[in-house]
Amino acid sequence: MLPSHNARSPLLKFVLVFIIIALLAGGALIWLRPNDAPPPPVTEHTFENGNIIWTIDAYPAKVLQRNSFKIDVTDRNGSPVKDASIHVKLDMLNMVCGDYQFEMAEAAPGKYEGEGIPLMAGTWKATLTLEMDDHSYTVVRLLRAVH
């Protein structure tokens, strides 16, 4: 006698294989996905002649609105850096979007303030150029902009 053939058996195998493949593909996508955590509102940077603390108020930054950027600059001894020239350029990562440039003004010894306007929601690269004592230093950080 031949065993009876169950018509559901091939369909059941197909469904199980499909589910296993879908789970593996989903796990791989989650594992390979870039980190979605936004960059922090305050970052610290060390350069050849000192230290910079870079703060963005009301973070994440708001699109098409003035956002307050604050920079604290100290020398290697921890003393405030006075009379520096600081420029910031915002450009959006992986997009052909207009850049936004602005200057920072010295609000107090070693404390500089300025306003930047991200043009679209997403992750932006902010490049700070510090000029002091006939030297130029560049610091880069990321920031998140939302509607």
C-alpha atoms as a PDB file:
ATOM      1  CA  MET A   1       0.000   0.000   0.000  1.00  0.00           C
ATOM      2  CA  LEU A   2       1.152   3.432  -0.863  1.00  0.00           C
ATOM      3  CA  PRO A   3       0.936   6.178   1.756  1.00  0.00           C
ATOM      4  CA  SER A   4      -1.739   8.752   1.100  1.00  0.00           C
ATOM      5  CA  HIS A   5      -0.508  12.019  -0.372  1.00  0.00           C
ATOM      6  CA  ASN A   6      -1.372  15.206   1.499  1.00  0.00           C
ATOM      7  CA  ALA A   7      -1.948  18.145  -0.896  1.00  0.00           C
ATOM      8  CA  ARG A   8      -1.166  20.669   1.839  1.00  0.00           C
ATOM      9  CA  SER A   9       2.370  19.440   2.418  1.00  0.00           C
ATOM     10  CA  PRO A  10       4.089  21.367  -0.464  1.00  0.00           C
ATOM     11  CA  LEU A  11       2.155  24.533   0.372  1.00  0.00           C
ATOM     12  CA  LEU A  12       3.084  24.258   4.052  1.00  0.00           C
ATOM     13  CA  LYS A  13       6.779  23.816   3.183  1.00  0.00           C
ATOM     14  CA  PHE A  14       6.651  26.831   0.862  1.00  0.00           C
ATOM     15  CA  VAL A  15       5.040  29.005   3.552  1.00  0.00           C
ATOM     16  CA  LEU A  16       7.603  27.950   6.180  1.00  0.00           C
ATOM     17  CA  VAL A  17      10.536  28.627   3.826  1.00  0.00           C
ATOM     18  CA  PHE A  18       9.029  32.014   2.898  1.00  0.00           C
ATOM     19  CA  ILE A  19       8.619  32.988   6.572  1.00  0.00           C
ATOM     20  CA  ILE A  20      12.199  31.978   7.398  1.00  0.00           C
ATOM     21  CA  ILE A  21      13.577  33.960   4.447  1.00  0.00           C
ATOM     22  CA  ALA A  22      11.461  37.009   5.381  1.00  0.00           C
ATOM     23  CA  LEU A  23      12.706  36.892   8.992  1.00  0.00           C
ATOM     24  CA  LEU A  24      16.333  36.628   7.869  1.00  0.00           C
ATOM     25  CA  ALA A  25      15.941  39.499   5.395  1.00  0.00           C
ATOM     26  CA  GLY A  26      14.215  41.685   8.006  1.00  0.00           C
ATOM     27  CA  GLY A  27      16.936  40.979  10.552  1.00  0.00           C
ATOM     28  CA  ALA A  28      19.653  41.820   8.026  1.00  0.00           C
ATOM     29  CA  LEU A  29      17.950  45.127   7.145  1.00  0.00           C
ATOM     30  CA  ILE A  30      17.653  46.103  10.798  1.00  0.00           C
ATOM     31  CA  TRP A  31      21.278  45.154  11.459  1.00  0.00           C
ATOM     32  CA  LEU A  32      22.583  47.066   8.417  1.00  0.00           C
ATOM     33  CA  ARG A  33      20.371  50.148   8.881  1.00  0.00           C
ATOM     34  CA  PRO A  34      22.320  53.280   9.882  1.00  0.00           C
ATOM     35  CA  ASN A  35      21.941  54.573  13.412  1.00  0.00           C
ATOM     36  CA  ASP A  36      18.880  56.840  13.518  1.00  0.00           C
ATOM     37  CA  ALA A  37      19.837  58.512  16.785  1.00  0.00           C
ATOM     38  CA  PRO A  38      20.180  62.260  16.233  1.00  0.00           C
ATOM     39  CA  PRO A  39      23.523  63.927  16.850  1.00  0.00           C
ATOM     40  CA  PRO A  40      23.677  65.513  20.340  1.00  0.00           C
ATOM     41  CA  PRO A  41      22.862  69.207  20.983  1.00  0.00           C
ATOM     42  CA  VAL A  42      26.244  69.808  22.659  1.00  0.00           C
ATOM     43  CA  THR A  43      29.554  68.593  21.260  1.00  0.00           C
ATOM     44  CA  GLU A  44      33.140  69.022  22.451  1.00  0.00           C
ATOM     45  CA  HIS A  45      36.052  69.396  20.083  1.00  0.00           C
ATOM     46  CA  THR A  46      39.770  69.611  20.721  1.00  0.00           C
ATOM     47  CA  PHE A  47      41.984  71.435  18.270  1.00  0.00           C
ATOM     48  CA  GLU A  48      45.715  72.085  18.220  1.00  0.00           C
ATOM     49  CA  ASN A  49      45.589  75.168  20.481  1.00  0.00           C
ATOM     50  CA  GLY A  50      42.537  74.592  22.643  1.00  0.00           C
ATOM     51  CA  ASN A  51      39.019  73.317  23.116  1.00  0.00           C
ATOM     52  CA  ILE A  52      35.585  74.153  21.687  1.00  0.00           C
ATOM     53  CA  ILE A  53      32.174  73.422  23.197  1.00  0.00           C
ATOM     54  CA  TRP A  54      29.493  73.781  20.521  1.00  0.00           C
ATOM     55  CA  THR A  55      25.846  74.112  21.625  1.00  0.00           C
ATOM     56  CA  ILE A  56      22.684  74.348  19.532  1.00  0.00           C
ATOM     57  CA  ASP A  57      19.763  75.755  21.553  1.00  0.00           C
ATOM     58  CA  ALA A  58      16.227  74.302  21.208  1.00  0.00           C
ATOM     59  CA  TYR A  59      17.594  71.149  19.623  1.00  0.00           C
ATOM     60  CA  PRO A  60      16.887  69.596  17.143  1.00  0.00           C
ATOM     61  CA  ALA A  61      17.188  72.670  14.936  1.00  0.00           C
ATOM     62  CA  LYS A  62      14.028  73.952  13.238  1.00  0.00           C
ATOM     63  CA  VAL A  63      13.845  74.100   9.446  1.00  0.00           C
ATOM     64  CA  LEU A  64      13.586  77.589   7.892  1.00  0.00           C
ATOM     65  CA  GLN A  65      13.893  79.231  11.304  1.00  0.00           C
ATOM     66  CA  ARG A  66      16.743  81.009  13.028  1.00  0.00           C
ATOM     67  CA  ASN A  67      18.505  78.588  15.363  1.00  0.00           C
ATOM     68  CA  SER A  68      20.899  79.798  18.043  1.00  0.00           C
ATOM     69  CA  PHE A  69      24.434  78.392  17.895  1.00  0.00           C
ATOM     70  CA  LYS A  70      26.808  79.017  20.810  1.00  0.00           C
ATOM     71  CA  ILE A  71      30.531  78.366  20.815  1.00  0.00           C
ATOM     72  CA  ASP A  72      32.791  78.437  23.882  1.00  0.00           C
ATOM     73  CA  VAL A  73      36.476  78.589  22.925  1.00  0.00           C
ATOM     74  CA  THR A  74      39.306  78.111  25.402  1.00  0.00           C
ATOM     75  CA  ASP A  75      43.036  77.790  24.905  1.00  0.00           C
ATOM     76  CA  ARG A  76      45.143  74.865  26.149  1.00  0.00           C
ATOM     77  CA  ASN A  77      45.258  76.407  29.633  1.00  0.00           C
ATOM     78  CA  GLY A  78      41.472  76.803  29.824  1.00  0.00           C
ATOM     79  CA  SER A  79      41.510  80.585  29.349  1.00  0.00           C
ATOM     80  CA  PRO A  80      38.849  82.135  27.072  1.00  0.00           C
ATOM     81  CA  VAL A  81      39.962  82.863  23.515  1.00  0.00           C
ATOM     82  CA  LYS A  82      39.185  86.506  22.722  1.00  0.00           C
ATOM     83  CA  ASP A  83      38.842  88.293  19.393  1.00  0.00           C
ATOM     84  CA  ALA A  84      38.651  85.153  17.247  1.00  0.00           C
ATOM     85  CA  SER A  85      36.895  85.106  13.901  1.00  0.00           C
ATOM     86  CA  ILE A  86      34.405  82.236  13.580  1.00  0.00           C
ATOM     87  CA  HIS A  87      32.407  81.290  10.476  1.00  0.00           C
ATOM     88  CA  VAL A  88      29.968  78.377  10.159  1.00  0.00           C
ATOM     89  CA  LYS A  89      28.766  76.672   6.985  1.00  0.00           C
ATOM     90  CA  LEU A  90      25.728  74.373   7.052  1.00  0.00           C
ATOM     91  CA  ASP A  91      25.359  71.875   4.223  1.00  0.00           C
ATOM     92  CA  MET A  92      22.953  68.963   4.007  1.00  0.00           C
ATOM     93  CA  LEU A  93      24.420  65.490   3.695  1.00  0.00           C
ATOM     94  CA  ASN A  94      23.758  63.604   0.446  1.00  0.00           C
ATOM     95  CA  MET A  95      21.591  66.382  -0.991  1.00  0.00           C
ATOM     96  CA  VAL A  96      22.002  69.115  -3.562  1.00  0.00           C
ATOM     97  CA  CYS A  97      20.483  71.669  -1.245  1.00  0.00           C
ATOM     98  CA  GLY A  98      21.672  75.216  -0.764  1.00  0.00           C
ATOM     99  CA  ASP A  99      24.308  75.819   1.885  1.00  0.00           C
ATOM    100  CA  TYR A 100      23.812  78.374   4.637  1.00  0.00           C
ATOM    101  CA  GLN A 101      26.749  80.382   5.978  1.00  0.00           C
ATOM    102  CA  PHE A 102      26.907  82.718   8.958  1.00  0.00           C
ATOM    103  CA  GLU A 103      29.382  84.398  11.277  1.00  0.00           C
ATOM    104  CA  MET A 104      29.608  84.096  15.034  1.00  0.00           C
ATOM    105  CA  ALA A 105      29.871  87.278  17.129  1.00  0.00           C
ATOM    106  CA  GLU A 106      31.758  87.447  20.420  1.00  0.00           C
ATOM    107  CA  ALA A 107      29.150  87.860  23.193  1.00  0.00           C
ATOM    108  CA  ALA A 108      31.678  87.639  26.059  1.00  0.00           C
ATOM    109  CA  PRO A 109      35.351  86.650  26.299  1.00  0.00           C
ATOM    110  CA  GLY A 110      35.597  83.194  24.700  1.00  0.00           C
ATOM    111  CA  LYS A 111      31.825  82.984  24.065  1.00  0.00           C
ATOM    112  CA  TYR A 112      30.525  83.360  20.528  1.00  0.00           C
ATOM    113  CA  GLU A 113      26.943  83.339  19.232  1.00  0.00           C
ATOM    114  CA  GLY A 114      25.283  83.189  15.824  1.00  0.00           C
ATOM    115  CA  GLU A 115      22.123  82.105  14.053  1.00  0.00           C
ATOM    116  CA  GLY A 116      21.905  79.416  11.391  1.00  0.00           C
ATOM    117  CA  ILE A 117      18.946  78.368   9.242  1.00  0.00           C
ATOM    118  CA  PRO A 118      18.758  74.775   7.951  1.00  0.00           C
ATOM    119  CA  LEU A 119      16.789  74.768   4.694  1.00  0.00           C
ATOM    120  CA  MET A 120      15.371  71.206   4.827  1.00  0.00           C
ATOM    121  CA  ALA A 121      14.631  68.526   7.417  1.00  0.00           C
ATOM    122  CA  GLY A 122      17.334  65.909   7.863  1.00  0.00           C
ATOM    123  CA  THR A 123      20.950  65.583   8.923  1.00  0.00           C
ATOM    124  CA  TRP A 124      23.262  68.522   8.228  1.00  0.00           C
ATOM    125  CA  LYS A 125      27.021  68.909   8.421  1.00  0.00           C
ATOM    126  CA  ALA A 126      28.135  72.069  10.200  1.00  0.00           C
ATOM    127  CA  THR A 127      31.700  73.172   9.469  1.00  0.00           C
ATOM    128  CA  LEU A 128      33.171  75.757  11.838  1.00  0.00           C
ATOM    129  CA  THR A 129      36.235  77.714  10.794  1.00  0.00           C
ATOM    130  CA  LEU A 130      38.089  79.393  13.666  1.00  0.00           C
ATOM    131  CA  GLU A 131      40.728  81.986  12.869  1.00  0.00           C
ATOM    132  CA  MET A 132      42.996  83.170  15.678  1.00  0.00           C
ATOM    133  CA  ASP A 133      46.629  84.167  16.084  1.00  0.00           C
ATOM    134  CA  ASP A 134      47.247  83.941  12.315  1.00  0.00           C
ATOM    135  CA  HIS A 135      46.107  80.297  12.296  1.00  0.00           C
ATOM    136  CA  SER A 136      42.956  78.677  10.944  1.00  0.00           C
ATOM    137  CA  TYR A 137      41.267  75.627  12.488  1.00  0.00           C
ATOM    138  CA  THR A 138      38.312  73.615  11.175  1.00  0.00           C
ATOM    139  CA  VAL A 139      35.834  71.660  13.290  1.00  0.00           C
ATOM    140  CA  VAL A 140      32.958  69.589  11.874  1.00  0.00           C
ATOM    141  CA  ARG A 141      29.842  68.287  13.595  1.00  0.00           C
ATOM    142  CA  LEU A 142      26.474  66.900  12.539  1.00  0.00           C
ATOM    143  CA  LEU A 143      23.096  68.279  13.504  1.00  0.00           C
ATOM    144  CA  ARG A 144      19.485  67.254  12.983  1.00  0.00           C
ATOM    145  CA  ALA A 145      16.870  69.633  11.562  1.00  0.00           C
ATOM    146  CA  VAL A 146      13.110  69.035  11.825  1.00  0.00           C
ATOM    147  CA  HIS A 147       9.883  70.783  10.798  1.00  0.00           C
END
